[in-house]
Each structure stands twice: as structure tokens, then as C-alpha cells.
N, C-alpha and C. Protein backbone atom coordinates (compact mmCIF):
# COMPACT_ATOMS: atom_id res chain seq x y z
N UNK A 1 32.51 119.90 64.02
CA UNK A 1 31.92 120.90 64.87
C UNK A 1 31.92 122.21 64.09
N UNK A 2 30.79 122.89 64.10
CA UNK A 2 30.67 124.13 63.34
C UNK A 2 31.21 125.29 64.16
N UNK A 3 31.49 126.41 63.49
CA UNK A 3 31.96 127.62 64.18
C UNK A 3 30.90 128.12 65.16
N UNK A 4 29.66 127.96 64.79
CA UNK A 4 28.57 128.40 65.66
C UNK A 4 28.59 127.61 66.98
N UNK A 5 28.80 126.31 66.90
CA UNK A 5 28.87 125.47 68.09
C UNK A 5 30.06 125.85 68.94
N UNK A 6 31.19 126.08 68.32
CA UNK A 6 32.40 126.46 69.06
C UNK A 6 32.17 127.79 69.79
N UNK A 7 31.53 128.74 69.15
CA UNK A 7 31.25 130.04 69.78
C UNK A 7 30.32 129.85 70.97
N UNK A 8 29.32 128.99 70.85
CA UNK A 8 28.39 128.76 71.96
C UNK A 8 29.10 128.13 73.15
N UNK A 9 29.96 127.18 72.89
CA UNK A 9 30.71 126.54 73.97
C UNK A 9 31.62 127.54 74.64
N UNK A 10 32.31 128.35 73.85
CA UNK A 10 33.21 129.37 74.39
C UNK A 10 32.43 130.36 75.24
N UNK A 11 31.28 130.82 74.75
CA UNK A 11 30.45 131.75 75.51
C UNK A 11 29.97 131.12 76.81
N UNK A 12 29.58 129.86 76.78
CA UNK A 12 29.13 129.17 77.99
C UNK A 12 30.25 129.09 79.03
N UNK A 13 31.45 128.79 78.59
CA UNK A 13 32.60 128.71 79.51
C UNK A 13 32.87 130.08 80.11
N UNK A 14 32.85 131.13 79.30
CA UNK A 14 33.09 132.48 79.80
C UNK A 14 32.02 132.88 80.82
N UNK A 15 30.77 132.53 80.56
CA UNK A 15 29.69 132.86 81.50
C UNK A 15 29.90 132.15 82.83
N UNK A 16 30.30 130.90 82.78
CA UNK A 16 30.57 130.15 84.01
C UNK A 16 31.67 130.83 84.81
N UNK A 17 32.74 131.22 84.13
CA UNK A 17 33.86 131.87 84.81
C UNK A 17 33.47 133.20 85.42
N UNK A 18 32.59 133.93 84.78
CA UNK A 18 32.18 135.24 85.27
C UNK A 18 31.14 135.10 86.38
N UNK A 19 30.21 134.17 86.24
CA UNK A 19 29.09 134.08 87.17
C UNK A 19 29.38 133.29 88.43
N UNK A 20 30.31 132.34 88.39
CA UNK A 20 30.60 131.54 89.57
C UNK A 20 31.73 132.16 90.37
N UNK A 21 31.44 132.66 91.58
CA UNK A 21 32.51 133.23 92.40
C UNK A 21 33.55 132.17 92.72
N UNK A 22 34.78 132.52 92.57
CA UNK A 22 35.87 131.61 92.90
C UNK A 22 36.21 130.61 91.82
N UNK A 23 35.49 130.59 90.71
CA UNK A 23 35.77 129.60 89.66
C UNK A 23 37.16 129.80 89.08
N UNK A 24 37.54 131.06 88.85
CA UNK A 24 38.87 131.32 88.28
C UNK A 24 39.97 130.88 89.24
N UNK A 25 39.79 131.15 90.54
CA UNK A 25 40.81 130.72 91.50
C UNK A 25 40.88 129.20 91.58
N UNK A 26 39.73 128.54 91.51
CA UNK A 26 39.72 127.08 91.56
C UNK A 26 40.44 126.50 90.36
N UNK A 27 40.19 127.06 89.19
CA UNK A 27 40.87 126.57 87.99
C UNK A 27 42.36 126.84 88.07
N UNK A 28 42.75 127.98 88.63
CA UNK A 28 44.17 128.32 88.77
C UNK A 28 44.87 127.36 89.72
N UNK A 29 44.14 126.83 90.73
CA UNK A 29 44.74 125.89 91.70
C UNK A 29 44.81 124.48 91.14
N UNK A 30 44.24 124.25 89.99
CA UNK A 30 44.31 122.92 89.41
C UNK A 30 42.98 122.22 89.40
N UNK A 31 41.90 122.91 89.65
CA UNK A 31 40.58 122.30 89.57
C UNK A 31 39.81 122.48 90.85
N UNK A 32 38.53 122.15 90.78
CA UNK A 32 37.66 122.33 91.93
C UNK A 32 37.90 121.29 93.01
N UNK A 33 38.40 120.11 92.66
CA UNK A 33 38.60 119.04 93.63
C UNK A 33 40.06 118.82 93.96
N UNK A 34 40.84 119.88 94.20
CA UNK A 34 42.27 119.72 94.40
C UNK A 34 42.66 119.47 95.84
N UNK A 35 41.72 119.44 96.80
CA UNK A 35 42.05 119.17 98.18
C UNK A 35 42.51 117.74 98.34
N UNK A 36 43.56 117.55 99.12
CA UNK A 36 44.05 116.20 99.42
C UNK A 36 43.01 115.52 100.31
N UNK A 37 42.42 114.41 99.86
CA UNK A 37 41.38 113.77 100.67
C UNK A 37 41.93 113.21 101.99
N UNK A 38 43.19 112.81 102.04
CA UNK A 38 43.80 112.29 103.27
C UNK A 38 44.57 113.43 103.92
N UNK A 39 43.89 114.18 104.76
CA UNK A 39 44.43 115.41 105.30
C UNK A 39 44.60 115.31 106.81
N UNK A 40 45.78 115.63 107.33
CA UNK A 40 45.98 115.61 108.79
C UNK A 40 45.11 116.64 109.52
N UNK A 41 44.66 117.70 108.82
CA UNK A 41 43.82 118.72 109.45
C UNK A 41 42.51 118.14 109.97
N UNK A 42 42.03 117.06 109.37
CA UNK A 42 40.78 116.46 109.82
C UNK A 42 40.95 115.84 111.21
N UNK A 43 42.19 115.66 111.64
CA UNK A 43 42.47 115.17 113.00
C UNK A 43 42.88 116.32 113.91
N UNK A 44 43.74 117.20 113.43
CA UNK A 44 44.24 118.29 114.28
C UNK A 44 43.14 119.27 114.68
N UNK A 45 42.04 119.30 113.95
CA UNK A 45 40.94 120.20 114.29
C UNK A 45 39.96 119.61 115.30
N UNK A 46 40.20 118.37 115.72
CA UNK A 46 39.35 117.75 116.74
C UNK A 46 39.66 118.34 118.11
N UNK A 47 38.72 118.27 119.06
CA UNK A 47 39.02 118.69 120.43
C UNK A 47 40.21 117.91 120.99
N UNK A 48 40.97 118.56 121.88
CA UNK A 48 42.23 118.00 122.39
C UNK A 48 42.07 116.61 123.00
N UNK A 49 41.01 116.39 123.79
CA UNK A 49 40.84 115.09 124.45
C UNK A 49 40.56 113.98 123.44
N UNK A 50 39.93 114.30 122.31
CA UNK A 50 39.70 113.29 121.27
C UNK A 50 40.98 113.06 120.49
N UNK A 51 41.71 114.13 120.18
CA UNK A 51 43.00 113.99 119.47
C UNK A 51 43.95 113.09 120.25
N UNK A 52 43.95 113.20 121.56
CA UNK A 52 44.85 112.38 122.39
C UNK A 52 44.53 110.90 122.23
N UNK A 53 43.25 110.55 122.17
CA UNK A 53 42.88 109.14 122.00
C UNK A 53 43.18 108.66 120.58
N UNK A 54 43.00 109.54 119.59
CA UNK A 54 43.33 109.18 118.21
C UNK A 54 44.84 108.96 118.09
N UNK A 55 45.63 109.75 118.81
CA UNK A 55 47.09 109.61 118.77
C UNK A 55 47.53 108.23 119.25
N UNK A 56 46.84 107.66 120.21
CA UNK A 56 47.16 106.31 120.67
C UNK A 56 46.97 105.30 119.54
N UNK A 57 45.93 105.44 118.76
CA UNK A 57 45.69 104.54 117.63
C UNK A 57 46.71 104.76 116.53
N UNK A 58 47.16 105.99 116.38
CA UNK A 58 48.15 106.29 115.35
C UNK A 58 49.41 105.45 115.58
N UNK A 59 49.80 105.29 116.84
CA UNK A 59 50.97 104.47 117.16
C UNK A 59 50.74 103.02 116.75
N UNK A 60 49.56 102.49 117.00
CA UNK A 60 49.24 101.11 116.63
C UNK A 60 49.19 100.93 115.11
N UNK A 61 48.78 101.97 114.42
CA UNK A 61 48.65 101.91 112.96
C UNK A 61 50.00 102.00 112.25
N UNK A 62 50.95 102.68 112.87
CA UNK A 62 52.26 102.83 112.24
C UNK A 62 52.24 103.74 111.03
N UNK A 63 51.31 104.70 110.99
CA UNK A 63 51.22 105.62 109.86
C UNK A 63 51.11 107.04 110.38
N UNK A 64 51.45 107.99 109.54
CA UNK A 64 51.24 109.39 109.89
C UNK A 64 49.74 109.64 110.00
N UNK A 65 49.31 110.38 111.01
CA UNK A 65 47.87 110.59 111.16
C UNK A 65 47.28 111.43 110.03
N UNK A 66 46.27 110.88 109.39
CA UNK A 66 45.53 111.57 108.34
C UNK A 66 44.17 110.91 108.23
N UNK A 67 43.20 111.68 107.77
CA UNK A 67 41.84 111.16 107.65
C UNK A 67 41.12 111.90 106.54
N UNK A 68 40.02 111.31 106.08
CA UNK A 68 39.20 111.97 105.07
C UNK A 68 38.24 112.93 105.78
N UNK A 69 37.53 113.69 104.96
CA UNK A 69 36.62 114.71 105.48
C UNK A 69 35.55 114.13 106.40
N UNK A 70 35.08 112.93 106.13
CA UNK A 70 33.99 112.35 106.92
C UNK A 70 34.47 111.45 108.05
N UNK A 71 35.73 111.54 108.42
CA UNK A 71 36.25 110.79 109.56
C UNK A 71 35.50 111.20 110.83
N UNK A 72 35.33 112.48 111.04
CA UNK A 72 34.64 112.99 112.22
C UNK A 72 33.36 113.70 111.79
N UNK A 73 32.24 113.21 112.30
CA UNK A 73 30.93 113.80 111.99
C UNK A 73 30.29 114.20 113.32
N UNK A 74 29.77 115.43 113.38
CA UNK A 74 29.22 115.90 114.64
C UNK A 74 27.72 116.17 114.54
N UNK A 75 27.09 116.17 115.70
CA UNK A 75 25.67 116.48 115.84
C UNK A 75 25.54 117.35 117.08
N UNK A 76 24.96 118.53 116.91
CA UNK A 76 24.77 119.46 118.03
C UNK A 76 23.30 119.50 118.44
N UNK A 77 23.07 119.48 119.74
CA UNK A 77 21.75 119.65 120.30
C UNK A 77 21.85 120.77 121.34
N UNK A 78 20.74 121.27 121.84
CA UNK A 78 20.84 122.30 122.89
C UNK A 78 21.53 121.79 124.16
N UNK A 79 21.49 120.49 124.40
CA UNK A 79 22.06 119.94 125.64
C UNK A 79 23.49 119.45 125.48
N UNK A 80 23.89 119.01 124.28
CA UNK A 80 25.19 118.36 124.13
C UNK A 80 25.67 118.40 122.68
N UNK A 81 26.94 118.11 122.53
CA UNK A 81 27.54 117.95 121.21
C UNK A 81 28.09 116.53 121.12
N UNK A 82 27.76 115.84 120.03
CA UNK A 82 28.21 114.47 119.79
C UNK A 82 29.17 114.48 118.61
N UNK A 83 30.22 113.67 118.71
CA UNK A 83 31.16 113.49 117.59
C UNK A 83 31.33 111.99 117.38
N UNK A 84 31.11 111.55 116.14
CA UNK A 84 31.31 110.15 115.76
C UNK A 84 32.56 110.07 114.90
N UNK A 85 33.49 109.20 115.28
CA UNK A 85 34.70 108.96 114.49
C UNK A 85 34.50 107.68 113.69
N UNK A 86 34.76 107.75 112.40
CA UNK A 86 34.60 106.63 111.47
C UNK A 86 35.99 106.19 111.02
N UNK A 87 36.51 105.11 111.60
CA UNK A 87 37.89 104.72 111.34
C UNK A 87 38.11 104.06 109.99
N UNK A 88 37.04 103.79 109.23
CA UNK A 88 37.25 103.37 107.84
C UNK A 88 37.80 104.53 107.02
N UNK A 89 37.68 105.76 107.56
CA UNK A 89 38.17 106.97 106.89
C UNK A 89 39.44 107.49 107.56
N UNK A 90 40.21 106.61 108.19
CA UNK A 90 41.43 106.96 108.91
C UNK A 90 42.60 106.23 108.27
N UNK A 91 43.68 106.95 107.99
CA UNK A 91 44.86 106.33 107.38
C UNK A 91 45.54 105.43 108.42
N UNK A 92 45.67 104.17 108.06
CA UNK A 92 46.25 103.21 109.00
C UNK A 92 47.02 102.16 108.20
N UNK A 93 48.33 102.07 108.44
CA UNK A 93 49.15 101.09 107.73
C UNK A 93 48.77 99.66 108.10
N UNK A 94 48.37 99.45 109.34
CA UNK A 94 47.95 98.14 109.83
C UNK A 94 46.44 98.18 110.07
N UNK A 95 45.64 97.87 109.04
CA UNK A 95 44.19 97.98 109.14
C UNK A 95 43.61 97.08 110.24
N UNK A 96 44.34 96.01 110.62
CA UNK A 96 43.83 95.13 111.67
C UNK A 96 43.78 95.86 113.02
N UNK A 97 44.47 96.98 113.16
CA UNK A 97 44.42 97.75 114.40
C UNK A 97 43.07 98.45 114.58
N UNK A 98 42.33 98.66 113.47
CA UNK A 98 41.07 99.40 113.55
C UNK A 98 39.89 98.69 112.90
N UNK A 99 40.14 97.66 112.11
CA UNK A 99 39.05 96.95 111.42
C UNK A 99 39.20 95.45 111.62
N UNK A 100 38.07 94.76 111.67
CA UNK A 100 38.07 93.31 111.75
C UNK A 100 36.86 92.79 110.97
N UNK A 101 36.51 91.53 111.14
CA UNK A 101 35.40 90.94 110.40
C UNK A 101 34.06 91.62 110.71
N UNK A 102 33.95 92.24 111.87
CA UNK A 102 32.71 92.92 112.25
C UNK A 102 32.62 94.32 111.66
N UNK A 103 33.68 94.79 111.04
CA UNK A 103 33.69 96.14 110.46
C UNK A 103 34.80 96.97 111.07
N UNK A 104 34.76 98.26 110.78
CA UNK A 104 35.79 99.17 111.31
C UNK A 104 35.30 99.83 112.60
N UNK A 105 36.27 100.27 113.38
CA UNK A 105 35.99 100.90 114.66
C UNK A 105 35.25 102.22 114.46
N UNK A 106 34.30 102.47 115.35
CA UNK A 106 33.58 103.75 115.42
C UNK A 106 33.55 104.16 116.89
N UNK A 107 33.98 105.37 117.18
CA UNK A 107 33.96 105.90 118.54
C UNK A 107 32.98 107.06 118.59
N UNK A 108 32.16 107.09 119.63
CA UNK A 108 31.20 108.18 119.81
C UNK A 108 31.57 108.92 121.08
N UNK A 109 31.69 110.25 120.95
CA UNK A 109 32.04 111.13 122.07
C UNK A 109 30.90 112.10 122.31
N UNK A 110 30.79 112.57 123.56
CA UNK A 110 29.79 113.57 123.90
C UNK A 110 30.40 114.60 124.85
N UNK A 111 29.93 115.83 124.71
CA UNK A 111 30.28 116.91 125.63
C UNK A 111 29.01 117.68 125.94
N UNK A 112 28.77 117.87 127.22
CA UNK A 112 27.63 118.68 127.65
C UNK A 112 28.16 119.98 128.24
N UNK A 113 29.12 120.57 127.55
CA UNK A 113 29.73 121.82 128.01
C UNK A 113 31.11 121.64 128.59
N UNK A 114 31.45 120.44 129.00
CA UNK A 114 32.78 120.16 129.56
C UNK A 114 33.61 119.41 128.55
N UNK A 115 34.62 118.69 129.03
CA UNK A 115 35.46 117.90 128.12
C UNK A 115 34.64 116.79 127.45
N UNK A 116 35.09 116.38 126.27
CA UNK A 116 34.46 115.26 125.59
C UNK A 116 34.84 113.97 126.28
N UNK A 117 33.90 113.04 126.33
CA UNK A 117 34.17 111.70 126.86
C UNK A 117 33.64 110.69 125.87
N UNK A 118 34.38 109.58 125.74
CA UNK A 118 33.91 108.52 124.85
C UNK A 118 32.80 107.76 125.55
N UNK A 119 31.67 107.63 124.85
CA UNK A 119 30.51 106.93 125.43
C UNK A 119 30.24 105.61 124.73
N UNK A 120 30.88 105.38 123.58
CA UNK A 120 30.65 104.12 122.87
C UNK A 120 31.79 103.86 121.90
N UNK A 121 32.22 102.61 121.86
CA UNK A 121 33.18 102.13 120.84
C UNK A 121 32.62 100.82 120.32
N UNK A 122 32.52 100.72 119.01
CA UNK A 122 32.02 99.48 118.42
C UNK A 122 32.61 99.32 117.03
N UNK A 123 32.53 98.09 116.53
CA UNK A 123 32.94 97.78 115.16
C UNK A 123 31.66 97.51 114.36
N UNK A 124 31.56 98.18 113.22
CA UNK A 124 30.38 98.04 112.36
C UNK A 124 30.76 98.49 110.96
N UNK A 125 29.87 98.19 110.02
CA UNK A 125 30.07 98.66 108.65
C UNK A 125 29.98 100.18 108.63
N UNK A 126 28.99 100.74 109.37
CA UNK A 126 28.83 102.18 109.44
C UNK A 126 27.92 102.52 110.61
N UNK A 127 28.02 103.77 111.07
CA UNK A 127 27.10 104.31 112.06
C UNK A 127 26.69 105.70 111.60
N UNK A 128 25.52 106.14 112.03
CA UNK A 128 25.04 107.48 111.69
C UNK A 128 24.35 108.10 112.89
N UNK A 129 24.83 109.26 113.31
CA UNK A 129 24.16 110.02 114.36
C UNK A 129 22.87 110.61 113.78
N UNK A 130 21.80 110.57 114.56
CA UNK A 130 20.51 111.09 114.09
C UNK A 130 19.89 111.98 115.17
N UNK A 131 18.99 112.82 114.75
CA UNK A 131 18.19 113.62 115.67
C UNK A 131 16.76 113.57 115.16
N UNK A 132 15.98 112.69 115.76
CA UNK A 132 14.59 112.49 115.34
C UNK A 132 13.66 113.04 116.41
N UNK A 133 13.05 114.16 116.09
CA UNK A 133 12.11 114.75 117.03
C UNK A 133 12.75 115.17 118.34
N UNK A 134 14.00 115.59 118.30
CA UNK A 134 14.69 116.00 119.51
C UNK A 134 15.35 114.87 120.27
N UNK A 135 15.24 113.64 119.77
CA UNK A 135 15.89 112.49 120.41
C UNK A 135 17.13 112.11 119.60
N UNK A 136 18.28 112.15 120.27
CA UNK A 136 19.52 111.78 119.60
C UNK A 136 19.57 110.27 119.49
N UNK A 137 19.92 109.80 118.31
CA UNK A 137 20.01 108.37 118.08
C UNK A 137 21.27 108.01 117.35
N UNK A 138 21.50 106.73 117.25
CA UNK A 138 22.64 106.20 116.53
C UNK A 138 22.16 104.98 115.75
N UNK A 139 22.20 105.08 114.44
CA UNK A 139 21.87 103.93 113.60
C UNK A 139 23.15 103.16 113.34
N UNK A 140 23.19 101.92 113.78
CA UNK A 140 24.36 101.06 113.63
C UNK A 140 24.09 100.05 112.54
N UNK A 141 24.96 100.02 111.53
CA UNK A 141 24.83 99.08 110.42
C UNK A 141 25.89 98.00 110.56
N UNK A 142 25.56 96.88 111.21
CA UNK A 142 26.54 95.80 111.37
C UNK A 142 26.81 95.12 110.02
N UNK A 143 27.98 94.55 109.89
CA UNK A 143 28.32 93.79 108.69
C UNK A 143 27.36 92.61 108.58
N UNK A 144 26.78 92.43 107.42
CA UNK A 144 25.91 91.29 107.16
C UNK A 144 24.49 91.41 107.68
N UNK A 145 24.15 92.52 108.34
CA UNK A 145 22.79 92.66 108.87
C UNK A 145 21.86 93.22 107.79
N UNK A 146 20.61 92.78 107.82
CA UNK A 146 19.64 93.25 106.84
C UNK A 146 19.16 94.66 107.17
N UNK A 147 19.11 95.02 108.44
CA UNK A 147 18.62 96.33 108.84
C UNK A 147 19.51 96.90 109.95
N UNK A 148 19.58 98.21 110.04
CA UNK A 148 20.38 98.80 111.11
C UNK A 148 19.75 98.61 112.47
N UNK A 149 20.58 98.65 113.49
CA UNK A 149 20.13 98.63 114.87
C UNK A 149 20.03 100.09 115.33
N UNK A 150 18.92 100.44 115.96
CA UNK A 150 18.75 101.81 116.43
C UNK A 150 19.04 101.89 117.92
N UNK A 151 19.95 102.81 118.26
CA UNK A 151 20.23 103.11 119.65
C UNK A 151 19.77 104.54 119.92
N UNK A 152 19.36 104.83 121.16
CA UNK A 152 18.95 106.19 121.52
C UNK A 152 19.75 106.64 122.75
N UNK A 153 19.95 107.95 122.82
CA UNK A 153 20.71 108.55 123.91
C UNK A 153 19.76 108.78 125.08
N UNK A 154 20.10 108.25 126.26
CA UNK A 154 19.23 108.41 127.43
C UNK A 154 19.74 109.51 128.38
N UNK A 155 20.70 110.27 127.91
CA UNK A 155 21.28 111.34 128.74
C UNK A 155 22.61 110.94 129.34
N UNK A 156 22.93 109.63 129.32
CA UNK A 156 24.19 109.14 129.89
C UNK A 156 24.94 108.21 128.93
N UNK A 157 24.16 107.39 128.20
CA UNK A 157 24.76 106.47 127.25
C UNK A 157 23.70 106.06 126.21
N UNK A 158 24.14 105.33 125.20
CA UNK A 158 23.22 104.84 124.16
C UNK A 158 22.64 103.51 124.58
N UNK A 159 21.31 103.39 124.42
CA UNK A 159 20.59 102.15 124.75
C UNK A 159 19.77 101.74 123.53
N UNK A 160 19.37 100.47 123.49
CA UNK A 160 18.54 100.00 122.38
C UNK A 160 17.25 100.80 122.31
N UNK A 161 16.92 101.21 121.08
CA UNK A 161 15.71 101.98 120.88
C UNK A 161 14.62 101.13 120.26
N UNK A 162 13.51 101.78 119.92
CA UNK A 162 12.40 101.04 119.30
C UNK A 162 12.79 100.52 117.93
N UNK A 163 12.19 99.47 117.52
CA UNK A 163 12.47 98.90 116.19
C UNK A 163 11.59 99.53 115.16
């Protein structure tokens, strides 16, 4: 490596440190990705009524409650707020308490200004809340299925939607 190349690399590093806000603090903390992925805060920040139901599963799992960032995913509309819990992203010593051959547990909650209530519990490979043209939907990806199943919110619960 020539001195010219070393100077260019050094200058590039210095520019990154100067131009990126927070880069120096991130490096001082041990890097940009130093957050613990299994964090109890991902559970404690949930609404109280949802935390209470998660606490029941924590007892069955036999582990300290912790989850990854994508354990709880929300979707807000003018009428309601939806929260989907993805238990494949939940720390559980006994995985059979939350996962089986059909996939891991997914709970969907809704609040229309009041307390959250669970409107759906299912086991699947994955689920995704959607908002297509103002219609709230849920794409369910069952284990072994070629295509997801689409459910739509009818104002009270999820029903099969168009294919």
C-alpha cells in the first residue's frame, strides 16, 4: 500500500467522523450495532393490557422476558391502532410453548381509542399487517404454503379477503 493510498483512506475516515452526526459517539460505545437484540424494553414498552398477556406466556416459557426489535409491529389508521406480536422474535426457553409444526404464534391486537383487545391468534411462518387503499389487511404466510392468505379487517375482526 502506498503512502498516497494510506492518506486517502485516513482522509476518508476523518470525513466520515466529521460529517456523520453521532458517528464518534457510536464508535466510542463499541460500534454502530451495539444494541442488545434481545431486549426486555421491546416488551415493557407495550401497552399494559398486551404486556399482561405476554407475561402469561413468559411463565410457560420459563425465561426472562425479552424480544427482538420486530417482536411488536404496529399499524395506525384514523380509526384504530393494530399491533402484531411475532413470537418467533420472543425469548422462550421452551419453544414448544409458542411454536409448533404450523409455525410460531402471532397475536393481533386492536384499539379504537380504548384498551387493546386481542382479535386474532394463529400459528404461521409469518404475518404482515397491511394498509392497501385504506383497507387494513393481514397477509398470513402458513408453513409450506405457496402463497400467503389475505385477511381483511371488517371493523370487528379479520375475515378472508379477495385472492
